[in-house]
């Protein structure tokens, strides 16, 4: 801790991170142990976070992330879009295909940024806000592949290519965002049905790396 930082705020943020990483929630005793503070400090932190809807406690007393976090997360998407757009534009122009950034939202894949190529006569329309099951597209399958490689913290599992995707009827290629804490997503392209050029896969991996770097 430095003179410019707040110890209380730091502990509150750490509480939220610990709860976000726990599927079952944590008790006051467990949080006190992980933070190396006494239970009274944890009680005060939880009470404050509860007032803002960022934490809730169940009947058994286990603390979990509250729904108030969703309101904060909703405002993150514009920031993610802004950071990703340069890499998506370059990808779309290079391949002549519609590029997109897709993030996990619950059990679904959500397209949060889309860039269409400017020079093609025909390309696949793909809109921001499109949702689908993770297994229904290259974008979602790339995310699932990253999970199988250690939630994105092991080496990049590569890219995924699909043909005649359920949602668009087009071909798709995507690579997961790797090495980001708290963000599951992928960068990919959709293109008219046909043979996917060999360079598409490595190119989406390159773009996913650029986006991940921009988000760090």
Protein backbone atom coordinates (compact mmCIF):
# COMPACT_ATOMS: atom_id res chain seq x y z
CA UNK A 1 0.00 0.00 0.00
CA UNK A 2 1.22 3.51 -0.80
CA UNK A 3 0.34 6.84 0.79
CA UNK A 4 -1.99 7.60 -2.13
CA UNK A 5 -4.12 4.44 -1.80
CA UNK A 6 -6.96 3.52 0.55
CA UNK A 7 -6.53 0.37 2.59
CA UNK A 8 -10.28 0.03 3.16
CA UNK A 9 -11.10 0.38 -0.52
CA UNK A 10 -8.34 -2.07 -1.39
CA UNK A 11 -9.83 -4.62 0.98
CA UNK A 12 -13.31 -4.06 -0.41
CA UNK A 13 -12.10 -4.69 -3.96
CA UNK A 14 -10.28 -7.80 -2.80
CA UNK A 15 -13.50 -9.05 -1.19
CA UNK A 16 -15.35 -8.65 -4.50
CA UNK A 17 -12.60 -10.49 -6.39
CA UNK A 18 -12.60 -13.35 -3.90
CA UNK A 19 -16.38 -13.68 -4.10
CA UNK A 20 -16.33 -13.51 -7.90
CA UNK A 21 -13.93 -16.47 -7.94
CA UNK A 22 -16.06 -18.54 -5.56
CA UNK A 23 -19.06 -20.41 -6.94
CA UNK A 24 -20.48 -21.23 -3.48
CA UNK A 25 -19.73 -17.92 -1.85
CA UNK A 26 -17.56 -17.41 1.25
CA UNK A 27 -18.25 -17.05 4.96
CA UNK A 28 -17.01 -14.19 7.10
CA UNK A 29 -14.44 -16.51 8.64
CA UNK A 30 -13.17 -17.65 5.23
CA UNK A 31 -12.89 -14.07 4.00
CA UNK A 32 -11.09 -12.99 7.17
CA UNK A 33 -8.58 -15.77 6.67
CA UNK A 34 -7.91 -14.94 3.04
CA UNK A 35 -7.59 -11.22 3.73
CA UNK A 36 -5.54 -11.78 6.92
CA UNK A 37 -7.81 -9.45 8.91
CA UNK A 38 -10.17 -9.98 11.84
CA UNK A 39 -13.84 -10.81 11.42
CA UNK A 40 -14.99 -7.35 12.52
CA UNK A 41 -13.25 -5.77 9.54
CA UNK A 42 -14.94 -8.23 7.19
CA UNK A 43 -18.37 -7.57 8.72
CA UNK A 44 -17.95 -3.85 8.09
CA UNK A 45 -16.75 -4.38 4.53
CA UNK A 46 -19.68 -6.68 3.73
CA UNK A 47 -22.21 -4.32 5.30
CA UNK A 48 -20.96 -1.45 3.14
CA UNK A 49 -20.89 -3.52 -0.04
CA UNK A 50 -24.40 -4.82 0.73
CA UNK A 51 -25.73 -1.26 0.99
CA UNK A 52 -24.61 -0.69 -2.59
CA UNK A 53 -26.00 -4.02 -3.84
CA UNK A 54 -22.53 -5.35 -4.66
CA UNK A 55 -22.72 -8.22 -2.17
CA UNK A 56 -25.56 -10.34 -0.82
CA UNK A 57 -25.63 -12.92 1.95
CA UNK A 58 -27.74 -16.07 1.83
CA UNK A 59 -29.64 -17.67 4.68
CA UNK A 60 -26.57 -19.66 5.67
CA UNK A 61 -24.52 -16.49 5.96
CA UNK A 62 -22.34 -17.08 2.91
CA UNK A 63 -21.52 -13.92 1.00
CA UNK A 64 -21.84 -13.79 -2.78
CA UNK A 65 -21.50 -11.17 -5.49
CA UNK A 66 -24.69 -9.07 -5.67
CA UNK A 67 -26.74 -8.00 -8.65
CA UNK A 68 -25.43 -4.45 -8.33
CA UNK A 69 -22.28 -5.67 -10.05
CA UNK A 70 -24.32 -6.22 -13.22
CA UNK A 71 -25.12 -2.51 -13.44
CA UNK A 72 -21.43 -1.72 -13.28
CA UNK A 73 -20.57 -4.45 -15.78
CA UNK A 74 -23.11 -3.06 -18.26
CA UNK A 75 -21.03 0.10 -18.54
CA UNK A 76 -17.90 -1.91 -19.31
CA UNK A 77 -19.03 -2.97 -22.77
CA UNK A 78 -18.54 0.48 -24.37
CA UNK A 79 -14.99 0.58 -23.00
CA UNK A 80 -14.27 -2.89 -24.35
CA UNK A 81 -15.66 -1.94 -27.75
CA UNK A 82 -13.49 1.16 -27.92
CA UNK A 83 -10.36 -0.79 -27.05
CA UNK A 84 -11.11 -3.57 -29.55
CA UNK A 85 -12.18 -1.52 -32.57
CA UNK A 86 -8.73 -0.84 -34.09
CA UNK A 87 -7.87 -4.55 -34.20
CA UNK A 88 -11.35 -5.46 -35.46
CA UNK A 89 -11.18 -2.87 -38.25
CA UNK A 90 -7.81 -4.16 -39.35
CA UNK A 91 -9.09 -7.75 -39.29
CA UNK A 92 -12.24 -6.92 -41.29
CA UNK A 93 -10.34 -4.96 -43.93
CA UNK A 94 -7.59 -7.55 -44.23
CA UNK A 95 -9.89 -10.53 -44.70
CA UNK A 96 -12.88 -8.83 -46.31
CA UNK A 97 -15.07 -10.42 -43.64
CA UNK A 98 -17.22 -9.16 -40.79
CA UNK A 99 -15.16 -9.08 -37.58
CA UNK A 100 -16.56 -9.22 -34.07
CA UNK A 101 -15.69 -9.24 -30.39
CA UNK A 102 -17.79 -11.72 -28.41
CA UNK A 103 -17.97 -12.01 -24.63
CA UNK A 104 -19.54 -14.54 -22.28
CA UNK A 105 -22.77 -13.30 -20.71
CA UNK A 106 -24.11 -15.93 -18.36
CA UNK A 107 -24.45 -19.12 -20.39
CA UNK A 108 -24.52 -17.28 -23.72
CA UNK A 109 -22.13 -15.62 -26.14
CA UNK A 110 -22.85 -11.91 -26.69
CA UNK A 111 -21.49 -9.89 -29.63
CA UNK A 112 -20.39 -6.56 -28.14
CA UNK A 113 -18.54 -5.07 -31.14
CA UNK A 114 -18.91 -5.67 -34.89
CA UNK A 115 -16.97 -4.19 -37.81
CA UNK A 116 -17.89 -4.83 -41.45
CA UNK A 117 -15.35 -4.52 -44.30
CA UNK A 118 -15.61 -1.37 -46.38
CA UNK A 119 -14.42 -2.67 -49.74
CA UNK A 120 -16.38 -5.88 -50.42
CA UNK A 121 -19.41 -6.14 -52.69
CA UNK A 122 -21.00 -8.70 -50.37
CA UNK A 123 -20.40 -9.66 -46.77
CA UNK A 124 -22.28 -11.23 -43.88
CA UNK A 125 -24.41 -8.91 -41.75
CA UNK A 126 -23.80 -9.44 -38.05
CA UNK A 127 -25.22 -7.14 -35.41
CA UNK A 128 -24.02 -5.98 -32.03
CA UNK A 129 -26.16 -7.52 -29.28
CA UNK A 130 -26.59 -10.87 -31.02
CA UNK A 131 -26.83 -13.70 -28.49
CA UNK A 132 -26.49 -17.43 -28.93
CA UNK A 133 -25.48 -20.54 -27.02
CA UNK A 134 -21.74 -20.96 -26.63
CA UNK A 135 -21.71 -24.12 -28.70
CA UNK A 136 -23.54 -22.64 -31.69
CA UNK A 137 -20.73 -20.64 -33.29
CA UNK A 138 -16.98 -20.40 -33.75
CA UNK A 139 -16.94 -17.48 -31.32
CA UNK A 140 -18.48 -19.51 -28.51
CA UNK A 141 -16.59 -22.68 -29.28
CA UNK A 142 -13.29 -20.80 -29.13
CA UNK A 143 -14.23 -19.66 -25.63
CA UNK A 144 -15.11 -23.21 -24.60
CA UNK A 145 -11.78 -24.41 -26.01
CA UNK A 146 -9.96 -21.83 -23.90
CA UNK A 147 -11.80 -23.07 -20.80
CA UNK A 148 -10.57 -26.59 -21.48
CA UNK A 149 -7.03 -25.19 -21.56
CA UNK A 150 -7.24 -23.74 -18.07
CA UNK A 151 -9.65 -20.79 -18.37
CA UNK A 152 -7.39 -18.90 -20.74
CA UNK A 153 -4.28 -18.94 -18.51
CA UNK A 154 -2.47 -21.72 -20.36
CA UNK A 155 -1.03 -21.33 -23.87
CA UNK A 156 -3.47 -20.29 -26.54
CA UNK A 157 -5.43 -23.35 -27.76
CA UNK A 158 -5.48 -21.86 -31.27
CA UNK A 159 -8.53 -21.11 -33.36
CA UNK A 160 -11.87 -22.68 -34.21
CA UNK A 161 -13.45 -22.81 -37.67
CA UNK A 162 -17.09 -23.67 -38.34
CA UNK A 163 -19.11 -23.96 -41.51
CA UNK A 164 -22.80 -23.13 -41.95
CA UNK A 165 -23.18 -21.70 -38.45
CA UNK A 166 -26.62 -22.17 -36.90
CA UNK A 167 -27.22 -18.45 -36.35
CA UNK A 168 -26.01 -17.02 -39.67
CA UNK A 169 -25.65 -19.91 -42.10
CA UNK A 170 -22.15 -18.56 -42.82
CA UNK A 171 -18.64 -19.76 -42.10
CA UNK A 172 -16.91 -18.58 -38.98
CA UNK A 173 -13.47 -18.50 -37.42
CA UNK A 174 -12.54 -17.30 -33.94
CA UNK A 175 -9.80 -17.31 -31.34
CA UNK A 176 -10.20 -16.80 -27.60
CA UNK A 177 -8.91 -13.85 -25.63
CA UNK A 178 -6.09 -15.29 -23.55
CA UNK A 179 -4.50 -14.13 -20.31
CA UNK A 180 -7.20 -11.72 -19.15
CA UNK A 181 -8.49 -11.90 -15.60
CA UNK A 182 -12.27 -11.77 -15.27
CA UNK A 183 -13.00 -11.60 -19.01
CA UNK A 184 -13.98 -14.53 -21.21
CA UNK A 185 -14.32 -13.74 -24.87
CA UNK A 186 -13.13 -14.24 -28.41
CA UNK A 187 -12.36 -12.37 -31.60
CA UNK A 188 -13.58 -13.79 -34.86
CA UNK A 189 -14.96 -13.30 -38.35
CA UNK A 190 -18.02 -14.50 -40.21
CA UNK A 191 -17.92 -14.86 -43.98
CA UNK A 192 -20.00 -16.20 -46.82
CA UNK A 193 -20.23 -19.97 -46.94
CA UNK A 194 -17.42 -21.67 -48.78
CA UNK A 195 -13.84 -22.70 -48.24
CA UNK A 196 -12.14 -20.79 -45.42
CA UNK A 197 -8.69 -19.59 -46.55
CA UNK A 198 -5.79 -21.05 -44.58
CA UNK A 199 -4.61 -17.66 -43.37
CA UNK A 200 -7.92 -16.82 -41.66
CA UNK A 201 -7.23 -18.92 -38.57
CA UNK A 202 -3.79 -17.46 -37.78
CA UNK A 203 -5.11 -13.99 -38.57
CA UNK A 204 -7.92 -14.18 -35.99
CA UNK A 205 -5.42 -15.47 -33.41
CA UNK A 206 -3.28 -12.41 -34.15
CA UNK A 207 -6.28 -10.10 -33.78
CA UNK A 208 -7.35 -11.77 -30.52
CA UNK A 209 -3.85 -11.20 -29.14
CA UNK A 210 -4.02 -7.53 -30.15
CA UNK A 211 -7.40 -7.08 -28.43
CA UNK A 212 -6.23 -8.87 -25.28
CA UNK A 213 -3.16 -6.61 -25.16
CA UNK A 214 -5.38 -3.54 -25.53
CA UNK A 215 -7.57 -4.68 -22.62
CA UNK A 216 -4.73 -5.26 -20.17
